[in-house]
């Protein structure tokens, strides 16, 4: 089983036992735990080290997350108990996705040639939300190579309305047309 599938299964099981009211607190604590793992290589080296006992690793997680919801601490300790410490960093991202799904939120990315104004981003997110029937939260990137227009990626959908892609389609169409032309006699 791949890490992403195993991570998804652990998180889905965890989401099944979580109460709806604790979702925000768990997400906040998991975000801080993720930041600790990413910012402090000493923590990850201890958690991933094969000779450190599971009990010491669990004690370390309890100490790092002393103010976290008890469900989260039990969940992370369970992952360690099952010798799946290598999934801990992935659990944070997968939980964020699962929490968004539970809230009816879908995250997307918009790439544009120039920075979008706040009003433009809100209008785009509103239109996508209406089309998808879910709340859409967008992150924006700037790519000057697009020339003009924007690309939107939401879930498995990709919308390409850039000048660069339109010019490429026009170029392809013109090449097809010129190969189909017959010489005049």
Protein backbone atom coordinates (compact mmCIF):
# COMPACT_ATOMS: atom_id res chain seq x y z
CA UNK A 1 0.00 0.00 0.00
CA UNK A 2 1.43 3.37 -0.95
CA UNK A 3 2.03 6.06 1.65
CA UNK A 4 -0.71 8.29 0.28
CA UNK A 5 -3.29 5.50 0.40
CA UNK A 6 -2.26 4.49 3.90
CA UNK A 7 -2.31 8.11 5.04
CA UNK A 8 -5.75 8.65 3.53
CA UNK A 9 -7.11 5.56 5.27
CA UNK A 10 -5.73 6.62 8.65
CA UNK A 11 -7.15 10.12 8.26
CA UNK A 12 -10.54 8.84 7.10
CA UNK A 13 -10.72 6.58 10.15
CA UNK A 14 -9.74 9.47 12.39
CA UNK A 15 -12.35 11.74 10.80
CA UNK A 16 -14.95 9.05 11.48
CA UNK A 17 -14.39 9.21 15.24
CA UNK A 18 -13.97 12.99 15.50
CA UNK A 19 -16.86 15.10 16.66
CA UNK A 20 -17.73 17.99 14.35
CA UNK A 21 -17.11 20.61 17.02
CA UNK A 22 -13.49 19.53 17.53
CA UNK A 23 -12.51 19.79 13.87
CA UNK A 24 -11.11 23.33 14.11
CA UNK A 25 -9.13 22.66 17.30
CA UNK A 26 -7.64 19.48 15.85
CA UNK A 27 -6.73 21.23 12.61
CA UNK A 28 -5.04 24.08 14.48
CA UNK A 29 -3.05 21.68 16.67
CA UNK A 30 -2.10 19.56 13.67
CA UNK A 31 -0.91 22.67 11.81
CA UNK A 32 1.37 23.58 14.71
CA UNK A 33 2.64 19.98 14.88
CA UNK A 34 3.32 20.06 11.13
CA UNK A 35 5.25 23.32 11.54
CA UNK A 36 7.32 21.74 14.34
CA UNK A 37 8.15 18.76 12.15
CA UNK A 38 9.14 20.92 9.18
CA UNK A 39 11.06 23.55 11.14
CA UNK A 40 12.95 21.28 13.51
CA UNK A 41 14.87 18.41 11.89
CA UNK A 42 15.89 17.13 15.34
CA UNK A 43 12.27 16.21 16.08
CA UNK A 44 11.85 14.29 12.84
CA UNK A 45 15.18 12.54 13.26
CA UNK A 46 14.07 11.24 16.67
CA UNK A 47 10.59 10.29 15.46
CA UNK A 48 11.96 8.48 12.40
CA UNK A 49 14.93 6.84 14.10
CA UNK A 50 14.48 3.06 14.23
CA UNK A 51 16.31 2.53 17.53
CA UNK A 52 14.22 5.01 19.52
CA UNK A 53 11.44 3.12 21.28
CA UNK A 54 7.83 3.71 20.35
CA UNK A 55 7.07 4.66 23.97
CA UNK A 56 9.67 7.46 23.86
CA UNK A 57 8.34 8.67 20.52
CA UNK A 58 4.80 8.73 21.92
CA UNK A 59 5.99 10.60 25.01
CA UNK A 60 7.66 13.13 22.74
CA UNK A 61 4.41 13.65 20.77
CA UNK A 62 2.48 14.06 24.04
CA UNK A 63 5.02 16.65 25.25
CA UNK A 64 4.95 18.58 21.97
CA UNK A 65 1.16 18.62 21.86
CA UNK A 66 0.32 18.96 25.54
CA UNK A 67 -2.52 21.44 24.85
CA UNK A 68 -3.91 19.60 21.80
CA UNK A 69 -7.24 17.75 21.82
CA UNK A 70 -6.80 14.29 23.35
CA UNK A 71 -8.26 12.63 20.24
CA UNK A 72 -5.38 13.99 18.16
CA UNK A 73 -2.74 12.83 20.63
CA UNK A 74 -4.28 9.33 20.70
CA UNK A 75 -4.40 9.30 16.89
CA UNK A 76 -0.74 10.28 16.47
CA UNK A 77 0.32 7.82 19.16
CA UNK A 78 -1.66 5.11 17.35
CA UNK A 79 0.25 5.87 14.15
CA UNK A 80 3.51 5.52 16.05
CA UNK A 81 2.29 2.31 17.72
CA UNK A 82 1.65 0.83 14.27
CA UNK A 83 5.21 1.77 13.22
CA UNK A 84 3.98 4.31 10.66
CA UNK A 85 5.93 7.35 11.87
CA UNK A 86 6.95 8.14 8.30
CA UNK A 87 3.31 9.09 7.63
CA UNK A 88 3.18 11.87 10.23
CA UNK A 89 4.09 14.73 7.87
CA UNK A 90 1.63 13.52 5.23
CA UNK A 91 -1.15 13.18 7.81
CA UNK A 92 -1.20 16.94 8.31
CA UNK A 93 -1.85 17.73 4.63
CA UNK A 94 -4.31 14.87 4.22
CA UNK A 95 -6.25 15.99 7.31
CA UNK A 96 -6.53 19.51 5.88
CA UNK A 97 -8.07 18.06 2.72
CA UNK A 98 -10.46 15.86 4.67
CA UNK A 99 -11.49 18.75 6.94
CA UNK A 100 -12.15 20.94 3.91
CA UNK A 101 -14.26 18.19 2.37
CA UNK A 102 -16.26 17.85 5.60
CA UNK A 103 -16.89 21.61 5.55
CA UNK A 104 -17.85 21.62 1.85
CA UNK A 105 -14.74 23.57 0.85
CA UNK A 106 -12.62 22.85 -2.18
CA UNK A 107 -9.24 24.48 -2.67
CA UNK A 108 -8.00 25.69 -6.00
CA UNK A 109 -5.17 27.56 -7.64
CA UNK A 110 -5.33 30.36 -10.17
CA UNK A 111 -2.33 31.32 -12.29
CA UNK A 112 -2.40 34.67 -14.03
CA UNK A 113 -0.05 36.80 -16.08
CA UNK A 114 -0.53 39.76 -13.74
CA UNK A 115 -1.59 39.99 -10.09
CA UNK A 116 -5.35 39.76 -9.57
CA UNK A 117 -7.09 42.38 -7.50
CA UNK A 118 -8.95 41.19 -4.42
CA UNK A 119 -12.33 41.92 -6.07
CA UNK A 120 -11.35 39.85 -9.12
CA UNK A 121 -10.32 36.92 -6.95
CA UNK A 122 -13.56 37.08 -4.98
CA UNK A 123 -15.65 37.24 -8.16
CA UNK A 124 -13.77 34.27 -9.63
CA UNK A 125 -14.16 32.26 -6.42
CA UNK A 126 -17.86 33.15 -6.30
CA UNK A 127 -18.42 32.01 -9.89
CA UNK A 128 -16.57 28.76 -9.28
CA UNK A 129 -18.48 28.20 -6.05
CA UNK A 130 -21.79 28.63 -7.88
CA UNK A 131 -20.71 26.28 -10.68
CA UNK A 132 -19.37 23.56 -8.36
CA UNK A 133 -21.90 23.90 -5.56
CA UNK A 134 -19.10 24.12 -2.99
CA UNK A 135 -17.21 26.95 -1.36
CA UNK A 136 -14.00 27.56 -3.32
CA UNK A 137 -10.86 28.99 -1.74
CA UNK A 138 -8.26 30.11 -4.24
CA UNK A 139 -4.52 30.59 -4.00
CA UNK A 140 -3.02 32.74 -6.72
CA UNK A 141 0.28 32.47 -8.56
CA UNK A 142 1.77 34.83 -11.12
CA UNK A 143 3.29 33.47 -14.34
CA UNK A 144 4.32 36.14 -16.83
CA UNK A 145 4.76 33.44 -19.48
CA UNK A 146 0.98 33.18 -19.82
CA UNK A 147 0.94 36.56 -21.62
CA UNK A 148 -2.66 37.34 -20.58
CA UNK A 149 -5.66 35.57 -19.08
CA UNK A 150 -5.59 32.91 -16.39
CA UNK A 151 -5.53 29.22 -15.61
CA UNK A 152 -7.72 27.81 -12.87
CA UNK A 153 -7.20 24.43 -11.20
CA UNK A 154 -9.90 23.22 -8.81
CA UNK A 155 -9.98 19.57 -7.82
CA UNK A 156 -9.77 17.57 -11.02
CA UNK A 157 -10.90 20.51 -13.15
CA UNK A 158 -8.56 22.69 -15.17
CA UNK A 159 -9.73 25.78 -17.01
CA UNK A 160 -7.24 27.40 -19.36
CA UNK A 161 -8.23 30.84 -20.59
CA UNK A 162 -4.77 32.18 -21.28
CA UNK A 163 -3.62 33.98 -24.39
CA UNK A 164 -0.70 31.57 -24.62
CA UNK A 165 -3.00 28.55 -24.96
CA UNK A 166 -5.32 30.35 -27.39
CA UNK A 167 -2.36 31.24 -29.60
CA UNK A 168 -1.15 27.63 -29.44
CA UNK A 169 -4.61 26.35 -30.49
CA UNK A 170 -4.74 28.89 -33.34
CA UNK A 171 -1.26 27.85 -34.47
CA UNK A 172 -2.26 24.19 -34.46
CA UNK A 173 -5.45 24.96 -36.37
CA UNK A 174 -3.57 26.97 -39.00
CA UNK A 175 -1.05 24.16 -39.45
CA UNK A 176 -3.86 21.66 -39.96
CA UNK A 177 -5.57 23.94 -42.47
CA UNK A 178 -2.40 24.50 -44.50
CA UNK A 179 -1.71 20.76 -44.74
CA UNK A 180 -5.23 20.17 -46.06
CA UNK A 181 -4.97 22.79 -48.81
CA UNK A 182 -4.79 21.44 -52.32
CA UNK A 183 -2.68 23.19 -54.93
CA UNK A 184 -4.61 25.17 -57.51
CA UNK A 185 -4.08 23.86 -61.07
